[in-house]
N, C-alpha and C. Protein backbone atom coordinates (compact mmCIF):
# COMPACT_ATOMS: atom_id res chain seq x y z
N UNK A 1 34.79 -14.26 -1.75
CA UNK A 1 36.21 -14.31 -1.55
C UNK A 1 36.75 -12.92 -1.82
N UNK A 2 37.66 -12.48 -0.95
CA UNK A 2 38.26 -11.14 -1.10
C UNK A 2 39.81 -11.35 -1.17
N UNK A 3 40.46 -10.60 -2.08
CA UNK A 3 41.91 -10.60 -2.17
C UNK A 3 42.39 -9.16 -2.26
N UNK A 4 43.40 -8.77 -1.48
CA UNK A 4 43.89 -7.41 -1.53
C UNK A 4 44.33 -7.05 -2.97
N UNK A 5 43.85 -5.92 -3.43
CA UNK A 5 44.22 -5.47 -4.72
C UNK A 5 43.49 -6.16 -5.88
N UNK A 6 42.68 -7.11 -5.56
CA UNK A 6 41.99 -7.92 -6.67
C UNK A 6 40.52 -7.79 -6.54
N UNK A 7 39.99 -7.15 -5.51
CA UNK A 7 38.50 -6.97 -5.37
C UNK A 7 37.90 -8.13 -4.66
N UNK A 8 36.58 -8.27 -4.83
CA UNK A 8 35.81 -9.27 -4.16
C UNK A 8 34.97 -10.05 -5.14
N UNK A 9 34.68 -11.29 -4.85
CA UNK A 9 33.84 -12.15 -5.66
C UNK A 9 32.65 -12.60 -4.77
N UNK A 10 31.53 -12.59 -5.34
CA UNK A 10 30.32 -12.97 -4.55
C UNK A 10 29.55 -14.06 -5.41
N UNK A 11 28.92 -14.95 -4.69
CA UNK A 11 28.04 -15.88 -5.31
C UNK A 11 26.63 -15.67 -4.75
N UNK A 12 25.67 -15.56 -5.61
CA UNK A 12 24.32 -15.30 -5.17
C UNK A 12 23.49 -16.54 -5.53
N UNK A 13 22.83 -17.10 -4.57
CA UNK A 13 22.01 -18.29 -4.81
C UNK A 13 20.53 -17.84 -4.69
N UNK A 14 19.78 -18.08 -5.79
CA UNK A 14 18.37 -17.75 -5.84
C UNK A 14 17.57 -19.03 -5.95
N UNK A 15 16.42 -19.09 -5.25
CA UNK A 15 15.62 -20.31 -5.37
C UNK A 15 15.04 -20.47 -6.73
N UNK A 16 15.08 -21.65 -7.26
CA UNK A 16 14.49 -21.93 -8.60
C UNK A 16 13.05 -22.35 -8.38
N UNK A 17 12.19 -21.93 -9.30
CA UNK A 17 10.81 -22.32 -9.22
C UNK A 17 10.63 -23.48 -10.24
N UNK A 18 10.16 -24.61 -9.76
CA UNK A 18 10.08 -25.78 -10.60
C UNK A 18 9.06 -25.62 -11.70
N UNK A 19 8.11 -24.73 -11.61
CA UNK A 19 7.05 -24.61 -12.59
C UNK A 19 7.30 -23.40 -13.58
N UNK A 20 8.39 -22.65 -13.39
CA UNK A 20 8.63 -21.49 -14.23
C UNK A 20 10.10 -21.36 -14.45
N UNK A 21 10.48 -20.81 -15.62
CA UNK A 21 11.90 -20.55 -15.85
C UNK A 21 12.47 -19.61 -14.78
N UNK A 22 13.77 -19.68 -14.59
CA UNK A 22 14.47 -18.86 -13.61
C UNK A 22 14.15 -17.37 -13.89
N UNK A 23 13.72 -16.67 -12.87
CA UNK A 23 13.44 -15.26 -12.95
C UNK A 23 11.98 -14.97 -13.31
N UNK A 24 11.20 -15.97 -13.66
CA UNK A 24 9.78 -15.76 -13.98
C UNK A 24 8.94 -16.26 -12.81
N UNK A 25 8.16 -15.34 -12.22
CA UNK A 25 7.33 -15.72 -11.10
C UNK A 25 5.91 -15.85 -11.60
N UNK A 26 5.27 -16.99 -11.37
CA UNK A 26 3.92 -17.15 -11.79
C UNK A 26 2.96 -16.18 -11.01
N UNK A 27 2.03 -15.64 -11.69
CA UNK A 27 1.06 -14.73 -11.05
C UNK A 27 0.14 -15.47 -10.10
N UNK A 28 -0.11 -14.93 -8.94
CA UNK A 28 -1.04 -15.60 -8.03
C UNK A 28 -2.49 -15.50 -8.56
N UNK A 29 -3.32 -16.39 -8.10
CA UNK A 29 -4.76 -16.29 -8.53
C UNK A 29 -5.33 -15.05 -7.89
N UNK A 30 -6.04 -14.28 -8.67
CA UNK A 30 -6.63 -13.05 -8.23
C UNK A 30 -8.12 -13.28 -7.96
N UNK A 31 -8.53 -13.07 -6.74
CA UNK A 31 -9.92 -13.32 -6.35
C UNK A 31 -10.84 -12.18 -6.72
N UNK A 32 -10.32 -10.95 -6.67
CA UNK A 32 -11.13 -9.78 -6.96
C UNK A 32 -10.78 -9.31 -8.34
N UNK A 33 -11.76 -9.08 -9.18
CA UNK A 33 -11.52 -8.56 -10.55
C UNK A 33 -10.96 -7.17 -10.46
N UNK A 34 -9.69 -7.01 -10.91
CA UNK A 34 -9.07 -5.70 -10.90
C UNK A 34 -9.05 -5.08 -12.30
N UNK A 35 -9.35 -5.92 -13.26
CA UNK A 35 -9.34 -5.42 -14.64
C UNK A 35 -10.38 -4.34 -14.82
N UNK A 36 -10.10 -3.46 -15.74
CA UNK A 36 -11.02 -2.36 -16.12
C UNK A 36 -11.18 -1.37 -14.94
N UNK A 37 -10.18 -1.29 -14.12
CA UNK A 37 -10.14 -0.27 -13.05
C UNK A 37 -8.98 0.58 -13.36
N UNK A 38 -9.05 1.85 -12.87
CA UNK A 38 -7.96 2.81 -13.10
C UNK A 38 -7.32 3.12 -11.75
N UNK A 39 -6.00 3.13 -11.76
CA UNK A 39 -5.22 3.49 -10.58
C UNK A 39 -4.37 4.69 -10.92
N UNK A 40 -4.30 5.56 -9.95
CA UNK A 40 -3.34 6.68 -10.02
C UNK A 40 -2.21 6.38 -9.08
N UNK A 41 -1.00 6.24 -9.61
CA UNK A 41 0.18 5.89 -8.88
C UNK A 41 1.09 7.06 -8.69
N UNK A 42 1.46 7.35 -7.46
CA UNK A 42 2.30 8.53 -7.19
C UNK A 42 3.49 8.01 -6.31
N UNK A 43 4.71 8.05 -6.95
CA UNK A 43 5.88 7.60 -6.27
C UNK A 43 7.04 8.44 -6.73
N UNK A 44 7.78 9.01 -5.80
CA UNK A 44 8.84 9.96 -6.18
C UNK A 44 10.17 9.30 -6.52
N UNK A 45 10.30 8.03 -6.32
CA UNK A 45 11.46 7.30 -6.74
C UNK A 45 11.27 6.64 -8.12
N UNK A 46 11.98 7.08 -9.11
CA UNK A 46 11.71 6.68 -10.48
C UNK A 46 11.65 5.18 -10.76
N UNK A 47 12.66 4.42 -10.19
CA UNK A 47 12.66 2.97 -10.40
C UNK A 47 11.49 2.32 -9.78
N UNK A 48 11.10 2.75 -8.57
CA UNK A 48 9.91 2.17 -7.94
C UNK A 48 8.61 2.52 -8.63
N UNK A 49 8.62 3.72 -9.21
CA UNK A 49 7.40 4.14 -10.00
C UNK A 49 7.25 3.19 -11.19
N UNK A 50 8.32 2.93 -11.89
CA UNK A 50 8.22 2.05 -13.09
C UNK A 50 7.89 0.61 -12.68
N UNK A 51 8.51 0.10 -11.67
CA UNK A 51 8.25 -1.26 -11.19
C UNK A 51 6.78 -1.40 -10.70
N UNK A 52 6.37 -0.45 -9.88
CA UNK A 52 4.99 -0.52 -9.36
C UNK A 52 3.96 -0.37 -10.49
N UNK A 53 4.27 0.44 -11.45
CA UNK A 53 3.36 0.55 -12.60
C UNK A 53 3.19 -0.77 -13.34
N UNK A 54 4.34 -1.45 -13.55
CA UNK A 54 4.27 -2.73 -14.24
C UNK A 54 3.48 -3.77 -13.42
N UNK A 55 3.65 -3.72 -12.06
CA UNK A 55 2.89 -4.66 -11.23
C UNK A 55 1.38 -4.44 -11.33
N UNK A 56 0.99 -3.13 -11.29
CA UNK A 56 -0.40 -2.80 -11.38
C UNK A 56 -1.01 -3.17 -12.73
N UNK A 57 -0.22 -2.97 -13.80
CA UNK A 57 -0.70 -3.31 -15.17
C UNK A 57 -0.82 -4.82 -15.28
N UNK A 58 0.04 -5.58 -14.60
CA UNK A 58 -0.04 -7.01 -14.57
C UNK A 58 -1.33 -7.47 -13.86
N UNK A 59 -1.76 -6.70 -12.92
CA UNK A 59 -3.05 -7.00 -12.20
C UNK A 59 -4.26 -6.60 -13.06
N UNK A 60 -4.05 -5.93 -14.18
CA UNK A 60 -5.15 -5.56 -15.04
C UNK A 60 -5.62 -4.13 -14.92
N UNK A 61 -4.92 -3.31 -14.14
CA UNK A 61 -5.27 -1.88 -13.98
C UNK A 61 -4.83 -1.08 -15.18
N UNK A 62 -5.60 -0.07 -15.54
CA UNK A 62 -5.12 1.04 -16.34
C UNK A 62 -4.45 1.95 -15.34
N UNK A 63 -3.23 2.39 -15.64
CA UNK A 63 -2.41 3.14 -14.67
C UNK A 63 -2.03 4.52 -15.19
N UNK A 64 -2.36 5.48 -14.38
CA UNK A 64 -1.87 6.88 -14.54
C UNK A 64 -0.73 6.96 -13.51
N UNK A 65 0.43 7.49 -13.88
CA UNK A 65 1.50 7.59 -12.92
C UNK A 65 2.21 8.89 -13.04
N UNK A 66 2.76 9.28 -11.89
CA UNK A 66 3.58 10.52 -11.81
C UNK A 66 4.48 10.43 -10.61
N UNK A 67 5.48 11.28 -10.60
CA UNK A 67 6.43 11.29 -9.48
C UNK A 67 6.21 12.36 -8.43
N UNK A 68 5.19 13.17 -8.64
CA UNK A 68 4.95 14.18 -7.56
C UNK A 68 3.48 14.49 -7.45
N UNK A 69 3.04 14.90 -6.22
CA UNK A 69 1.67 15.10 -5.90
C UNK A 69 1.01 16.24 -6.69
N UNK A 70 1.75 17.25 -7.02
CA UNK A 70 1.14 18.39 -7.79
C UNK A 70 0.73 17.90 -9.17
N UNK A 71 1.59 17.11 -9.83
CA UNK A 71 1.22 16.52 -11.10
C UNK A 71 0.05 15.50 -11.00
N UNK A 72 -0.01 14.83 -9.86
CA UNK A 72 -1.08 13.88 -9.63
C UNK A 72 -2.43 14.58 -9.60
N UNK A 73 -2.48 15.74 -8.97
CA UNK A 73 -3.72 16.53 -8.93
C UNK A 73 -4.12 16.96 -10.33
N UNK A 74 -3.14 17.43 -11.08
CA UNK A 74 -3.41 17.83 -12.50
C UNK A 74 -3.87 16.70 -13.34
N UNK A 75 -3.23 15.51 -13.19
CA UNK A 75 -3.65 14.32 -13.93
C UNK A 75 -5.07 13.96 -13.58
N UNK A 76 -5.37 13.93 -12.32
CA UNK A 76 -6.76 13.55 -11.90
C UNK A 76 -7.75 14.52 -12.42
N UNK A 77 -7.48 15.81 -12.38
CA UNK A 77 -8.37 16.84 -12.86
C UNK A 77 -8.62 16.73 -14.36
N UNK A 78 -7.59 16.34 -15.10
CA UNK A 78 -7.67 16.25 -16.55
C UNK A 78 -8.28 14.95 -17.03
N UNK A 79 -8.24 13.90 -16.19
CA UNK A 79 -8.71 12.59 -16.61
C UNK A 79 -10.25 12.56 -16.63
N UNK A 80 -10.78 12.12 -17.73
CA UNK A 80 -12.22 12.15 -17.96
C UNK A 80 -12.99 10.95 -17.31
N UNK A 81 -12.27 9.88 -17.05
CA UNK A 81 -12.92 8.69 -16.50
C UNK A 81 -12.75 8.65 -14.94
N UNK A 82 -13.39 7.63 -14.36
CA UNK A 82 -13.28 7.48 -12.90
C UNK A 82 -11.95 6.89 -12.50
N UNK A 83 -11.33 7.40 -11.47
CA UNK A 83 -10.09 6.81 -10.89
C UNK A 83 -10.52 6.08 -9.65
N UNK A 84 -10.37 4.76 -9.67
CA UNK A 84 -10.83 3.87 -8.65
C UNK A 84 -9.90 3.83 -7.42
N UNK A 85 -8.62 4.01 -7.71
CA UNK A 85 -7.62 3.77 -6.63
C UNK A 85 -6.47 4.72 -6.74
N UNK A 86 -6.08 5.28 -5.62
CA UNK A 86 -4.87 6.10 -5.53
C UNK A 86 -3.83 5.25 -4.75
N UNK A 87 -2.69 5.04 -5.31
CA UNK A 87 -1.58 4.39 -4.60
C UNK A 87 -0.48 5.41 -4.54
N UNK A 88 -0.17 5.82 -3.31
CA UNK A 88 0.76 6.96 -3.14
C UNK A 88 1.75 6.72 -2.02
N UNK A 89 2.96 7.19 -2.31
CA UNK A 89 4.00 7.22 -1.26
C UNK A 89 3.48 8.18 -0.14
N UNK A 90 3.86 7.94 1.03
CA UNK A 90 3.42 8.79 2.16
C UNK A 90 4.22 10.08 2.21
N UNK A 91 5.49 9.98 2.20
CA UNK A 91 6.36 11.13 2.31
C UNK A 91 6.90 11.59 0.95
N UNK A 92 6.45 12.75 0.54
CA UNK A 92 6.87 13.31 -0.74
C UNK A 92 7.03 14.82 -0.62
N UNK A 93 7.71 15.41 -1.58
CA UNK A 93 7.84 16.87 -1.55
C UNK A 93 6.49 17.52 -1.86
N UNK A 94 6.26 18.64 -1.34
CA UNK A 94 5.05 19.51 -1.49
C UNK A 94 3.81 19.07 -0.73
N UNK A 95 3.53 17.78 -0.62
CA UNK A 95 2.39 17.36 0.21
C UNK A 95 2.53 15.85 0.48
N UNK A 96 1.98 15.45 1.58
CA UNK A 96 2.05 14.01 1.93
C UNK A 96 1.01 13.24 1.16
N UNK A 97 1.15 11.94 1.15
CA UNK A 97 0.18 11.07 0.47
C UNK A 97 -1.22 11.21 1.07
N UNK A 98 -1.30 11.39 2.41
CA UNK A 98 -2.58 11.56 2.99
C UNK A 98 -3.24 12.89 2.55
N UNK A 99 -2.46 13.94 2.48
CA UNK A 99 -2.94 15.23 2.03
C UNK A 99 -3.42 15.14 0.56
N UNK A 100 -2.65 14.41 -0.22
CA UNK A 100 -3.03 14.22 -1.63
C UNK A 100 -4.38 13.46 -1.72
N UNK A 101 -4.52 12.39 -0.96
CA UNK A 101 -5.76 11.62 -0.92
C UNK A 101 -6.95 12.46 -0.52
N UNK A 102 -6.77 13.25 0.51
CA UNK A 102 -7.86 14.10 0.94
C UNK A 102 -8.23 15.10 -0.08
N UNK A 103 -7.28 15.63 -0.83
CA UNK A 103 -7.55 16.60 -1.86
C UNK A 103 -8.28 15.99 -3.03
N UNK A 104 -7.84 14.76 -3.47
CA UNK A 104 -8.45 14.11 -4.57
C UNK A 104 -9.84 13.58 -4.17
N UNK A 105 -9.99 13.17 -2.99
CA UNK A 105 -11.28 12.63 -2.57
C UNK A 105 -12.38 13.64 -2.47
N UNK A 106 -12.04 14.91 -2.41
CA UNK A 106 -13.02 15.95 -2.40
C UNK A 106 -13.84 15.95 -3.71
N UNK A 107 -13.26 15.55 -4.77
CA UNK A 107 -13.95 15.48 -6.07
C UNK A 107 -14.23 14.07 -6.49
N UNK A 108 -13.66 13.09 -5.84
CA UNK A 108 -13.87 11.64 -6.17
C UNK A 108 -14.05 10.85 -4.85
N UNK A 109 -15.21 11.03 -4.21
CA UNK A 109 -15.41 10.44 -2.88
C UNK A 109 -15.33 8.89 -2.86
N UNK A 110 -15.57 8.20 -3.99
CA UNK A 110 -15.53 6.75 -4.03
C UNK A 110 -14.12 6.20 -4.17
N UNK A 111 -13.12 7.06 -4.46
CA UNK A 111 -11.79 6.63 -4.64
C UNK A 111 -11.22 5.96 -3.44
N UNK A 112 -10.60 4.81 -3.61
CA UNK A 112 -9.88 4.11 -2.50
C UNK A 112 -8.39 4.55 -2.52
N UNK A 113 -7.76 4.28 -1.45
CA UNK A 113 -6.35 4.69 -1.34
C UNK A 113 -5.49 3.61 -0.67
N UNK A 114 -4.31 3.45 -1.14
CA UNK A 114 -3.30 2.55 -0.53
C UNK A 114 -2.08 3.41 -0.37
N UNK A 115 -1.65 3.57 0.91
CA UNK A 115 -0.42 4.30 1.19
C UNK A 115 0.74 3.36 1.20
N UNK A 116 1.90 3.78 0.62
CA UNK A 116 3.09 2.97 0.60
C UNK A 116 4.23 3.85 1.17
N UNK A 117 5.20 3.21 1.86
CA UNK A 117 6.37 3.94 2.35
C UNK A 117 7.44 3.03 2.79
N UNK A 118 8.68 3.50 2.67
CA UNK A 118 9.83 2.80 3.20
C UNK A 118 10.11 3.14 4.62
N UNK A 119 9.45 4.17 5.17
CA UNK A 119 9.63 4.58 6.52
C UNK A 119 8.86 3.64 7.47
N UNK A 120 9.38 3.30 8.63
CA UNK A 120 8.68 2.47 9.61
C UNK A 120 7.38 3.17 10.04
N UNK A 121 6.40 2.38 10.36
CA UNK A 121 5.08 2.97 10.78
C UNK A 121 5.23 3.92 11.98
N UNK A 122 6.08 3.58 12.94
CA UNK A 122 6.17 4.45 14.13
C UNK A 122 6.77 5.86 13.76
N UNK A 123 7.67 5.86 12.80
CA UNK A 123 8.25 7.13 12.33
C UNK A 123 7.15 8.00 11.61
N UNK A 124 6.38 7.31 10.79
CA UNK A 124 5.28 8.01 10.06
C UNK A 124 4.25 8.53 11.05
N UNK A 125 3.91 7.74 12.06
CA UNK A 125 2.93 8.13 13.06
C UNK A 125 3.44 9.37 13.85
N UNK A 126 4.72 9.36 14.20
CA UNK A 126 5.29 10.50 14.98
C UNK A 126 5.31 11.76 14.10
N UNK A 127 5.47 11.60 12.81
CA UNK A 127 5.49 12.77 11.93
C UNK A 127 4.07 13.25 11.57
N UNK A 128 3.08 12.46 12.00
CA UNK A 128 1.68 12.85 11.72
C UNK A 128 1.28 12.78 10.26
N UNK A 129 1.88 11.89 9.51
CA UNK A 129 1.58 11.81 8.09
C UNK A 129 0.82 10.54 7.73
N UNK A 130 0.32 9.83 8.71
CA UNK A 130 -0.51 8.65 8.47
C UNK A 130 -1.94 8.86 8.86
N UNK A 131 -2.82 8.17 8.16
CA UNK A 131 -4.23 8.14 8.56
C UNK A 131 -4.48 6.66 8.84
N UNK A 132 -4.79 6.30 10.08
CA UNK A 132 -5.01 4.88 10.43
C UNK A 132 -6.17 4.21 9.64
N UNK A 133 -7.05 5.05 9.09
CA UNK A 133 -8.18 4.43 8.37
C UNK A 133 -7.83 4.09 6.94
N UNK A 134 -6.64 4.49 6.49
CA UNK A 134 -6.22 4.22 5.09
C UNK A 134 -5.22 3.04 5.09
N UNK A 135 -5.44 2.04 4.29
CA UNK A 135 -4.55 0.90 4.22
C UNK A 135 -3.15 1.26 3.89
N UNK A 136 -2.17 0.49 4.44
CA UNK A 136 -0.76 0.82 4.31
C UNK A 136 0.00 -0.42 3.88
N UNK A 137 0.94 -0.25 2.98
CA UNK A 137 1.80 -1.36 2.52
C UNK A 137 3.27 -0.88 2.61
N UNK A 138 4.10 -1.51 3.46
CA UNK A 138 5.46 -1.08 3.59
C UNK A 138 6.29 -1.45 2.36
N UNK A 139 7.23 -0.55 2.03
CA UNK A 139 8.19 -0.79 0.95
C UNK A 139 9.48 -1.38 1.56
N UNK A 140 10.16 -2.22 0.87
CA UNK A 140 9.80 -2.79 -0.45
C UNK A 140 8.73 -3.86 -0.28
N UNK A 141 7.92 -4.00 -1.36
CA UNK A 141 6.91 -5.02 -1.30
C UNK A 141 7.01 -5.89 -2.55
N UNK A 142 6.47 -7.07 -2.42
CA UNK A 142 6.49 -8.04 -3.52
C UNK A 142 5.22 -7.91 -4.33
N UNK A 143 5.21 -8.53 -5.48
CA UNK A 143 3.97 -8.55 -6.28
C UNK A 143 2.86 -9.24 -5.53
N UNK A 144 3.15 -10.39 -4.90
CA UNK A 144 2.15 -11.11 -4.10
C UNK A 144 1.57 -10.24 -2.98
N UNK A 145 2.45 -9.54 -2.29
CA UNK A 145 2.01 -8.66 -1.21
C UNK A 145 1.07 -7.56 -1.72
N UNK A 146 1.44 -6.94 -2.85
CA UNK A 146 0.60 -5.94 -3.48
C UNK A 146 -0.76 -6.51 -3.89
N UNK A 147 -0.76 -7.65 -4.51
CA UNK A 147 -2.02 -8.25 -4.95
C UNK A 147 -2.90 -8.56 -3.71
N UNK A 148 -2.32 -9.11 -2.67
CA UNK A 148 -3.10 -9.42 -1.45
C UNK A 148 -3.69 -8.12 -0.86
N UNK A 149 -2.92 -7.05 -0.81
CA UNK A 149 -3.45 -5.82 -0.22
C UNK A 149 -4.53 -5.21 -1.12
N UNK A 150 -4.34 -5.27 -2.44
CA UNK A 150 -5.36 -4.75 -3.36
C UNK A 150 -6.62 -5.56 -3.27
N UNK A 151 -6.52 -6.91 -3.14
CA UNK A 151 -7.72 -7.72 -3.01
C UNK A 151 -8.51 -7.34 -1.75
N UNK A 152 -7.73 -7.20 -0.63
CA UNK A 152 -8.30 -6.81 0.65
C UNK A 152 -9.06 -5.48 0.51
N UNK A 153 -8.42 -4.55 -0.14
CA UNK A 153 -8.95 -3.15 -0.31
C UNK A 153 -10.20 -3.20 -1.20
N UNK A 154 -10.09 -3.89 -2.32
CA UNK A 154 -11.16 -3.83 -3.34
C UNK A 154 -12.32 -4.73 -3.04
N UNK A 155 -12.12 -5.77 -2.21
CA UNK A 155 -13.25 -6.62 -1.79
C UNK A 155 -14.35 -5.84 -1.13
N UNK A 156 -13.98 -4.71 -0.52
CA UNK A 156 -14.95 -3.84 0.20
C UNK A 156 -15.40 -2.68 -0.63
N UNK A 157 -15.07 -2.72 -1.96
CA UNK A 157 -15.45 -1.59 -2.85
C UNK A 157 -16.91 -1.68 -3.25
């Protein structure tokens, strides 16, 4: 309802889950063991970085995270353990997600990669920043969509 000089009022209706309190989403069953794996998360949007990190930790990953590719390279170089998975935004300052993956894969050839982006696929393809052999997840994504993509990716690990 809108009234001149009084602002607007909105009502938001959210579906309730009969098996969980409002706002709590039950975790889907995970087919592929993701625990005891390390992911390097690179996302230049702070809120998405924090949310994605929480999602990955909920899946059982140990997560290294940063907001830029240059720091990601330094993190990977300094990390003493194996990094199993790179999850990176495609379009970032200084280098693309694909360039970052290629650079990190030179020293970690077994590392898997999941590209994420809010840009439509056709725009990314025109800009030449996609690698069709690397799995892609469009933003925004849900926890369930992330889990499904990770299971698909890691089943072939």
